Amino acid sequence: MRVVPGGPVMVEGPVDVELEDGTSVRSDRFMVALCACRRSKNYPFCDTSHRRKVRATRENT
Protein backbone atom coordinates (compact mmCIF):
# COMPACT_ATOMS: atom_id res chain seq x y z
CA MET A 1 0.00 0.00 0.00
CA ARG A 2 1.25 3.49 -0.84
CA VAL A 3 -0.38 6.82 0.06
CA VAL A 4 -0.01 9.44 -2.67
CA PRO A 5 0.21 12.92 -1.04
CA GLY A 6 -2.93 14.84 -2.04
CA GLY A 7 -4.14 11.83 -4.00
CA PRO A 8 -5.35 8.26 -3.66
CA VAL A 9 -4.18 5.27 -1.66
CA MET A 10 -2.57 2.79 -4.07
CA VAL A 11 -3.10 -0.89 -3.23
CA GLU A 12 -1.88 -4.00 -5.04
CA GLY A 13 -4.90 -5.82 -6.39
CA PRO A 14 -7.09 -7.64 -6.68
CA VAL A 15 -8.93 -6.23 -3.66
CA ASP A 16 -12.30 -6.50 -1.95
CA VAL A 17 -13.38 -3.25 -0.27
CA GLU A 18 -16.04 -3.33 2.45
CA LEU A 19 -18.21 -0.20 2.41
CA GLU A 20 -19.77 1.57 5.40
CA ASP A 21 -23.14 -0.08 4.76
CA GLY A 22 -21.59 -3.57 4.91
CA THR A 23 -21.65 -4.27 1.17
CA SER A 24 -18.43 -5.01 -0.63
CA VAL A 25 -17.03 -4.17 -4.05
CA ARG A 26 -14.21 -5.93 -5.86
CA SER A 27 -11.53 -4.74 -8.24
CA ASP A 28 -9.51 -7.30 -10.18
CA ARG A 29 -6.96 -4.74 -11.38
CA PHE A 30 -3.29 -5.34 -10.51
CA MET A 31 -3.04 -1.84 -8.96
CA VAL A 32 -6.08 -0.17 -7.39
CA ALA A 33 -6.42 3.54 -6.56
CA LEU A 34 -8.69 4.07 -3.55
CA CYS A 35 -10.20 7.53 -3.08
CA ALA A 36 -8.93 9.45 -0.05
CA CYS A 37 -10.71 12.78 -0.73
CA ARG A 38 -14.27 11.33 -0.92
CA ARG A 39 -15.02 13.46 -4.04
CA SER A 40 -14.96 10.50 -6.43
CA LYS A 41 -18.16 9.73 -8.29
CA ASN A 42 -16.85 6.16 -8.39
CA TYR A 43 -16.17 5.96 -4.61
CA PRO A 44 -14.41 4.01 -3.08
CA PHE A 45 -12.29 4.01 -6.23
CA CYS A 46 -10.42 7.13 -7.33
CA ASP A 47 -11.63 8.97 -10.45
CA THR A 48 -8.99 11.78 -10.12
CA SER A 49 -11.53 14.22 -8.64
CA HIS A 50 -8.80 15.28 -6.18
CA ARG A 51 -7.09 17.06 -9.12
CA ARG A 52 -9.96 19.54 -9.57
CA LYS A 53 -9.33 22.86 -7.94
CA VAL A 54 -12.02 24.25 -5.66
CA ARG A 55 -12.76 27.93 -6.19
CA ALA A 56 -12.23 29.91 -2.99
CA THR A 57 -15.40 31.32 -1.47
CA ARG A 58 -16.14 32.85 1.89
CA GLU A 59 -17.58 29.52 3.07
CA ASN A 60 -14.43 27.47 2.39
CA THR A 61 -11.65 29.99 3.14
PDB file of N, CA and C in Angstrom:
ATOM      1  N   MET A   1       0.858  -1.162   0.000  1.00  0.00           N
ATOM      2  CA  MET A   1       0.000   0.000   0.000  1.00  0.00           C
ATOM      3  C   MET A   1       0.907   1.228   0.000  1.00  0.00           C
ATOM      4  N   ARG A   2       0.493   2.251  -0.771  1.00  0.00           N
ATOM      5  CA  ARG A   2       1.252   3.495  -0.839  1.00  0.00           C
ATOM      6  C   ARG A   2       0.262   4.655  -0.866  1.00  0.00           C
ATOM      7  N   VAL A   3       0.466   5.628   0.019  1.00  0.00           N
ATOM      8  CA  VAL A   3      -0.384   6.819   0.058  1.00  0.00           C
ATOM      9  C   VAL A   3       0.261   7.879  -0.820  1.00  0.00           C
ATOM     10  N   VAL A   4      -0.488   8.381  -1.795  1.00  0.00           N
ATOM     11  CA  VAL A   4      -0.010   9.445  -2.670  1.00  0.00           C
ATOM     12  C   VAL A   4      -0.409  10.769  -2.030  1.00  0.00           C
ATOM     13  N   PRO A   5       0.555  11.633  -1.670  1.00  0.00           N
ATOM     14  CA  PRO A   5       0.213  12.916  -1.038  1.00  0.00           C
ATOM     15  C   PRO A   5      -0.771  13.721  -1.901  1.00  0.00           C
ATOM     16  N   GLY A   6      -1.904  14.095  -1.317  1.00  0.00           N
ATOM     17  CA  GLY A   6      -2.928  14.845  -2.043  1.00  0.00           C
ATOM     18  C   GLY A   6      -3.688  14.011  -3.048  1.00  0.00           C
ATOM     19  N   GLY A   7      -3.497  12.705  -3.026  1.00  0.00           N
ATOM     20  CA  GLY A   7      -4.138  11.828  -3.998  1.00  0.00           C
ATOM     21  C   GLY A   7      -4.678  10.571  -3.357  1.00  0.00           C
ATOM     22  N   PRO A   8      -4.743   9.491  -4.147  1.00  0.00           N
ATOM     23  CA  PRO A   8      -5.351   8.258  -3.662  1.00  0.00           C
ATOM     24  C   PRO A   8      -4.398   7.400  -2.837  1.00  0.00           C
ATOM     25  N   VAL A   9      -4.964   6.324  -2.313  1.00  0.00           N
ATOM     26  CA  VAL A   9      -4.185   5.274  -1.665  1.00  0.00           C
ATOM     27  C   VAL A   9      -4.052   4.162  -2.704  1.00  0.00           C
ATOM     28  N   MET A  10      -2.821   3.817  -3.062  1.00  0.00           N
ATOM     29  CA  MET A  10      -2.574   2.792  -4.069  1.00  0.00           C
ATOM     30  C   MET A  10      -2.381   1.446  -3.375  1.00  0.00           C
ATOM     31  N   VAL A  11      -3.135   0.439  -3.838  1.00  0.00           N
ATOM     32  CA  VAL A  11      -3.104  -0.889  -3.229  1.00  0.00           C
ATOM     33  C   VAL A  11      -2.900  -1.915  -4.336  1.00  0.00           C
ATOM     34  N   GLU A  12      -2.042  -2.908  -4.080  1.00  0.00           N
ATOM     35  CA  GLU A  12      -1.878  -3.997  -5.041  1.00  0.00           C
ATOM     36  C   GLU A  12      -3.144  -4.833  -5.055  1.00  0.00           C
ATOM     37  N   GLY A  13      -3.666  -5.078  -6.242  1.00  0.00           N
ATOM     38  CA  GLY A  13      -4.903  -5.816  -6.386  1.00  0.00           C
ATOM     39  C   GLY A  13      -4.650  -7.281  -6.647  1.00  0.00           C
ATOM     40  N   PRO A  14      -5.685  -8.046  -6.810  1.00  0.00           N
ATOM     41  CA  PRO A  14      -7.087  -7.645  -6.683  1.00  0.00           C
ATOM     42  C   PRO A  14      -7.463  -7.393  -5.228  1.00  0.00           C
ATOM     43  N   VAL A  15      -8.500  -6.566  -5.017  1.00  0.00           N
ATOM     44  CA  VAL A  15      -8.935  -6.228  -3.662  1.00  0.00           C
ATOM     45  C   VAL A  15     -10.450  -6.294  -3.546  1.00  0.00           C
ATOM     46  N   ASP A  16     -10.902  -6.614  -2.334  1.00  0.00           N
ATOM     47  CA  ASP A  16     -12.305  -6.500  -1.954  1.00  0.00           C
ATOM     48  C   ASP A  16     -12.363  -5.375  -0.937  1.00  0.00           C
ATOM     49  N   VAL A  17     -13.248  -4.401  -1.169  1.00  0.00           N
ATOM     50  CA  VAL A  17     -13.383  -3.254  -0.266  1.00  0.00           C
ATOM     51  C   VAL A  17     -14.749  -3.325   0.390  1.00  0.00           C
ATOM     52  N   GLU A  18     -14.772  -3.324   1.722  1.00  0.00           N
ATOM     53  CA  GLU A  18     -16.036  -3.326   2.449  1.00  0.00           C
ATOM     54  C   GLU A  18     -16.459  -1.885   2.691  1.00  0.00           C
ATOM     55  N   LEU A  19     -17.679  -1.549   2.272  1.00  0.00           N
ATOM     56  CA  LEU A  19     -18.211  -0.197   2.410  1.00  0.00           C
ATOM     57  C   LEU A  19     -18.859  -0.009   3.777  1.00  0.00           C
ATOM     58  N   GLU A  20     -19.174   1.242   4.104  1.00  0.00           N
ATOM     59  CA  GLU A  20     -19.770   1.569   5.404  1.00  0.00           C
ATOM     60  C   GLU A  20     -21.073   0.835   5.660  1.00  0.00           C
ATOM     61  N   ASP A  21     -21.845   0.584   4.590  1.00  0.00           N
ATOM     62  CA  ASP A  21     -23.142  -0.079   4.762  1.00  0.00           C
ATOM     63  C   ASP A  21     -23.031  -1.605   4.826  1.00  0.00           C
ATOM     64  N   GLY A  22     -21.794  -2.134   4.799  1.00  0.00           N
ATOM     65  CA  GLY A  22     -21.590  -3.569   4.909  1.00  0.00           C
ATOM     66  C   GLY A  22     -21.465  -4.295   3.582  1.00  0.00           C
ATOM     67  N   THR A  23     -21.821  -3.643   2.481  1.00  0.00           N
ATOM     68  CA  THR A  23     -21.654  -4.269   1.174  1.00  0.00           C
ATOM     69  C   THR A  23     -20.182  -4.219   0.786  1.00  0.00           C
ATOM     70  N   SER A  24     -19.816  -5.031  -0.182  1.00  0.00           N
ATOM     71  CA  SER A  24     -18.427  -5.007  -0.626  1.00  0.00           C
ATOM     72  C   SER A  24     -18.367  -4.886  -2.142  1.00  0.00           C
ATOM     73  N   VAL A  25     -17.285  -4.301  -2.613  1.00  0.00           N
ATOM     74  CA  VAL A  25     -17.029  -4.170  -4.045  1.00  0.00           C
ATOM     75  C   VAL A  25     -15.648  -4.752  -4.310  1.00  0.00           C
ATOM     76  N   ARG A  26     -15.462  -5.271  -5.505  1.00  0.00           N
ATOM     77  CA  ARG A  26     -14.211  -5.933  -5.855  1.00  0.00           C
ATOM     78  C   ARG A  26     -13.597  -5.266  -7.075  1.00  0.00           C
ATOM     79  N   SER A  27     -12.280  -5.173  -7.066  1.00  0.00           N
ATOM     80  CA  SER A  27     -11.530  -4.740  -8.237  1.00  0.00           C
ATOM     81  C   SER A  27     -10.491  -5.806  -8.532  1.00  0.00           C
ATOM     82  N   ASP A  28     -10.467  -6.275  -9.764  1.00  0.00           N
ATOM     83  CA  ASP A  28      -9.514  -7.299 -10.178  1.00  0.00           C
ATOM     84  C   ASP A  28      -8.251  -6.707 -10.795  1.00  0.00           C
ATOM     85  N   ARG A  29      -8.134  -5.385 -10.796  1.00  0.00           N
ATOM     86  CA  ARG A  29      -6.956  -4.737 -11.385  1.00  0.00           C
ATOM     87  C   ARG A  29      -5.706  -5.073 -10.579  1.00  0.00           C
ATOM     88  N   PHE A  30      -4.537  -5.019 -11.217  1.00  0.00           N
ATOM     89  CA  PHE A  30      -3.290  -5.344 -10.511  1.00  0.00           C
ATOM     90  C   PHE A  30      -2.858  -4.219  -9.583  1.00  0.00           C
ATOM     91  N   MET A  31      -3.298  -2.981  -9.841  1.00  0.00           N
ATOM     92  CA  MET A  31      -3.040  -1.840  -8.959  1.00  0.00           C
ATOM     93  C   MET A  31      -4.344  -1.054  -8.855  1.00  0.00           C
ATOM     94  N   VAL A  32      -4.785  -0.810  -7.628  1.00  0.00           N
ATOM     95  CA  VAL A  32      -6.080  -0.172  -7.390  1.00  0.00           C
ATOM     96  C   VAL A  32      -5.858   1.153  -6.673  1.00  0.00           C
ATOM     97  N   ALA A  33      -6.492   2.222  -7.185  1.00  0.00           N
ATOM     98  CA  ALA A  33      -6.417   3.544  -6.559  1.00  0.00           C
ATOM     99  C   ALA A  33      -7.694   3.753  -5.754  1.00  0.00           C
ATOM    100  N   LEU A  34      -7.544   3.841  -4.431  1.00  0.00           N
ATOM    101  CA  LEU A  34      -8.690   4.069  -3.550  1.00  0.00           C
ATOM    102  C   LEU A  34      -8.781   5.551  -3.218  1.00  0.00           C
ATOM    103  N   CYS A  35      -9.968   6.107  -3.311  1.00  0.00           N
ATOM    104  CA  CYS A  35     -10.196   7.531  -3.080  1.00  0.00           C
ATOM    105  C   CYS A  35      -9.953   7.893  -1.620  1.00  0.00           C
ATOM    106  N   ALA A  36      -9.177   8.955  -1.406  1.00  0.00           N
ATOM    107  CA  ALA A  36      -8.928   9.453  -0.052  1.00  0.00           C
ATOM    108  C   ALA A  36      -9.624  10.789   0.191  1.00  0.00           C
ATOM    109  N   CYS A  37     -10.098  11.447  -0.881  1.00  0.00           N
ATOM    110  CA  CYS A  37     -10.710  12.777  -0.727  1.00  0.00           C
ATOM    111  C   CYS A  37     -12.234  12.712  -0.627  1.00  0.00           C
ATOM    112  N   ARG A  38     -12.820  11.561  -0.938  1.00  0.00           N
ATOM    113  CA  ARG A  38     -14.272  11.326  -0.919  1.00  0.00           C
ATOM    114  C   ARG A  38     -15.030  12.152  -1.957  1.00  0.00           C
ATOM    115  N   ARG A  39     -14.347  12.709  -2.961  1.00  0.00           N
ATOM    116  CA  ARG A  39     -15.017  13.455  -4.036  1.00  0.00           C
ATOM    117  C   ARG A  39     -15.351  12.576  -5.233  1.00  0.00           C
ATOM    118  N   SER A  40     -14.809  11.373  -5.275  1.00  0.00           N
ATOM    119  CA  SER A  40     -14.958  10.503  -6.435  1.00  0.00           C
ATOM    120  C   SER A  40     -16.412  10.133  -6.676  1.00  0.00           C
ATOM    121  N   LYS A  41     -16.824  10.192  -7.928  1.00  0.00           N
ATOM    122  CA  LYS A  41     -18.163   9.735  -8.294  1.00  0.00           C
ATOM    123  C   LYS A  41     -18.178   8.207  -8.403  1.00  0.00           C
ATOM    124  N   ASN A  42     -17.002   7.600  -8.322  1.00  0.00           N
ATOM    125  CA  ASN A  42     -16.853   6.155  -8.391  1.00  0.00           C
ATOM    126  C   ASN A  42     -16.340   5.615  -7.050  1.00  0.00           C
ATOM    127  N   TYR A  43     -16.656   6.315  -5.946  1.00  0.00           N
ATOM    128  CA  TYR A  43     -16.170   5.962  -4.612  1.00  0.00           C
ATOM    129  C   TYR A  43     -16.535   4.521  -4.291  1.00  0.00           C
ATOM    130  N   PRO A  44     -15.658   3.719  -3.763  1.00  0.00           N
ATOM    131  CA  PRO A  44     -14.407   4.012  -3.083  1.00  0.00           C
ATOM    132  C   PRO A  44     -13.187   4.080  -3.999  1.00  0.00           C
ATOM    133  N   PHE A  45     -13.405   3.963  -5.311  1.00  0.00           N
ATOM    134  CA  PHE A  45     -12.285   4.007  -6.234  1.00  0.00           C
ATOM    135  C   PHE A  45     -12.047   5.434  -6.711  1.00  0.00           C
ATOM    136  N   CYS A  46     -10.800   5.777  -6.927  1.00  0.00           N
ATOM    137  CA  CYS A  46     -10.415   7.126  -7.332  1.00  0.00           C
ATOM    138  C   CYS A  46     -10.797   7.378  -8.789  1.00  0.00           C
ATOM    139  N   ASP A  47     -11.357   8.556  -9.069  1.00  0.00           N
ATOM    140  CA  ASP A  47     -11.625   8.974 -10.446  1.00  0.00           C
ATOM    141  C   ASP A  47     -10.877  10.272 -10.773  1.00  0.00           C
ATOM    142  N   THR A  48      -9.859  10.589 -10.010  1.00  0.00           N
ATOM    143  CA  THR A  48      -8.991  11.776 -10.123  1.00  0.00           C
ATOM    144  C   THR A  48      -9.708  13.078  -9.780  1.00  0.00           C
ATOM    145  N   SER A  49     -10.820  13.009  -9.068  1.00  0.00           N
ATOM    146  CA  SER A  49     -11.529  14.223  -8.641  1.00  0.00           C
ATOM    147  C   SER A  49     -10.657  15.100  -7.756  1.00  0.00           C
ATOM    148  N   HIS A  50      -9.684  14.510  -7.063  1.00  0.00           N
ATOM    149  CA  HIS A  50      -8.796  15.282  -6.185  1.00  0.00           C
ATOM    150  C   HIS A  50      -7.980  16.302  -6.972  1.00  0.00           C
ATOM    151  N   ARG A  51      -7.864  16.131  -8.282  1.00  0.00           N
ATOM    152  CA  ARG A  51      -7.090  17.059  -9.117  1.00  0.00           C
ATOM    153  C   ARG A  51      -7.837  18.353  -9.409  1.00  0.00           C
ATOM    154  N   ARG A  52      -9.168  18.330  -9.288  1.00  0.00           N
ATOM    155  CA  ARG A  52      -9.960  19.540  -9.568  1.00  0.00           C
ATOM    156  C   ARG A  52      -9.736  20.567  -8.483  1.00  0.00           C
ATOM    157  N   LYS A  53      -9.519  21.773  -8.897  1.00  0.00           N
ATOM    158  CA  LYS A  53      -9.325  22.858  -7.937  1.00  0.00           C
ATOM    159  C   LYS A  53     -10.686  23.378  -7.493  1.00  0.00           C
ATOM    160  N   VAL A  54     -10.789  23.697  -6.216  1.00  0.00           N
ATOM    161  CA  VAL A  54     -12.020  24.246  -5.661  1.00  0.00           C
ATOM    162  C   VAL A  54     -11.865  25.749  -5.598  1.00  0.00           C
ATOM    163  N   ARG A  55     -12.805  26.473  -6.200  1.00  0.00           N
ATOM    164  CA  ARG A  55     -12.761  27.929  -6.188  1.00  0.00           C
ATOM    165  C   ARG A  55     -12.971  28.434  -4.767  1.00  0.00           C
ATOM    166  N   ALA A  56     -12.133  29.349  -4.344  1.00  0.00           N
ATOM    167  CA  ALA A  56     -12.226  29.908  -2.990  1.00  0.00           C
ATOM    168  C   ALA A  56     -13.473  30.772  -2.855  1.00  0.00           C
ATOM    169  N   THR A  57     -14.232  30.501  -1.803  1.00  0.00           N
ATOM    170  CA  THR A  57     -15.396  31.318  -1.468  1.00  0.00           C
ATOM    171  C   THR A  57     -15.292  31.659   0.006  1.00  0.00           C
ATOM    172  N   ARG A  58     -16.164  32.502   0.466  1.00  0.00           N
ATOM    173  CA  ARG A  58     -16.136  32.854   1.891  1.00  0.00           C
ATOM    174  C   ARG A  58     -16.429  31.653   2.773  1.00  0.00           C
ATOM    175  N   GLU A  59     -17.227  30.692   2.277  1.00  0.00           N
ATOM    176  CA  GLU A  59     -17.577  29.524   3.071  1.00  0.00           C
ATOM    177  C   GLU A  59     -16.399  28.579   3.266  1.00  0.00           C
ATOM    178  N   ASN A  60     -15.509  28.442   2.265  1.00  0.00           N
ATOM    179  CA  ASN A  60     -14.428  27.466   2.391  1.00  0.00           C
ATOM    180  C   ASN A  60     -13.048  28.100   2.516  1.00  0.00           C
ATOM    181  N   THR A  61     -12.956  29.357   2.905  1.00  0.00           N
ATOM    182  CA  THR A  61     -11.651  29.987   3.139  1.00  0.00           C
ATOM    183  C   THR A  61     -11.418  30.186   4.609  1.00  0.00           C
TER     184      THR A  61
END
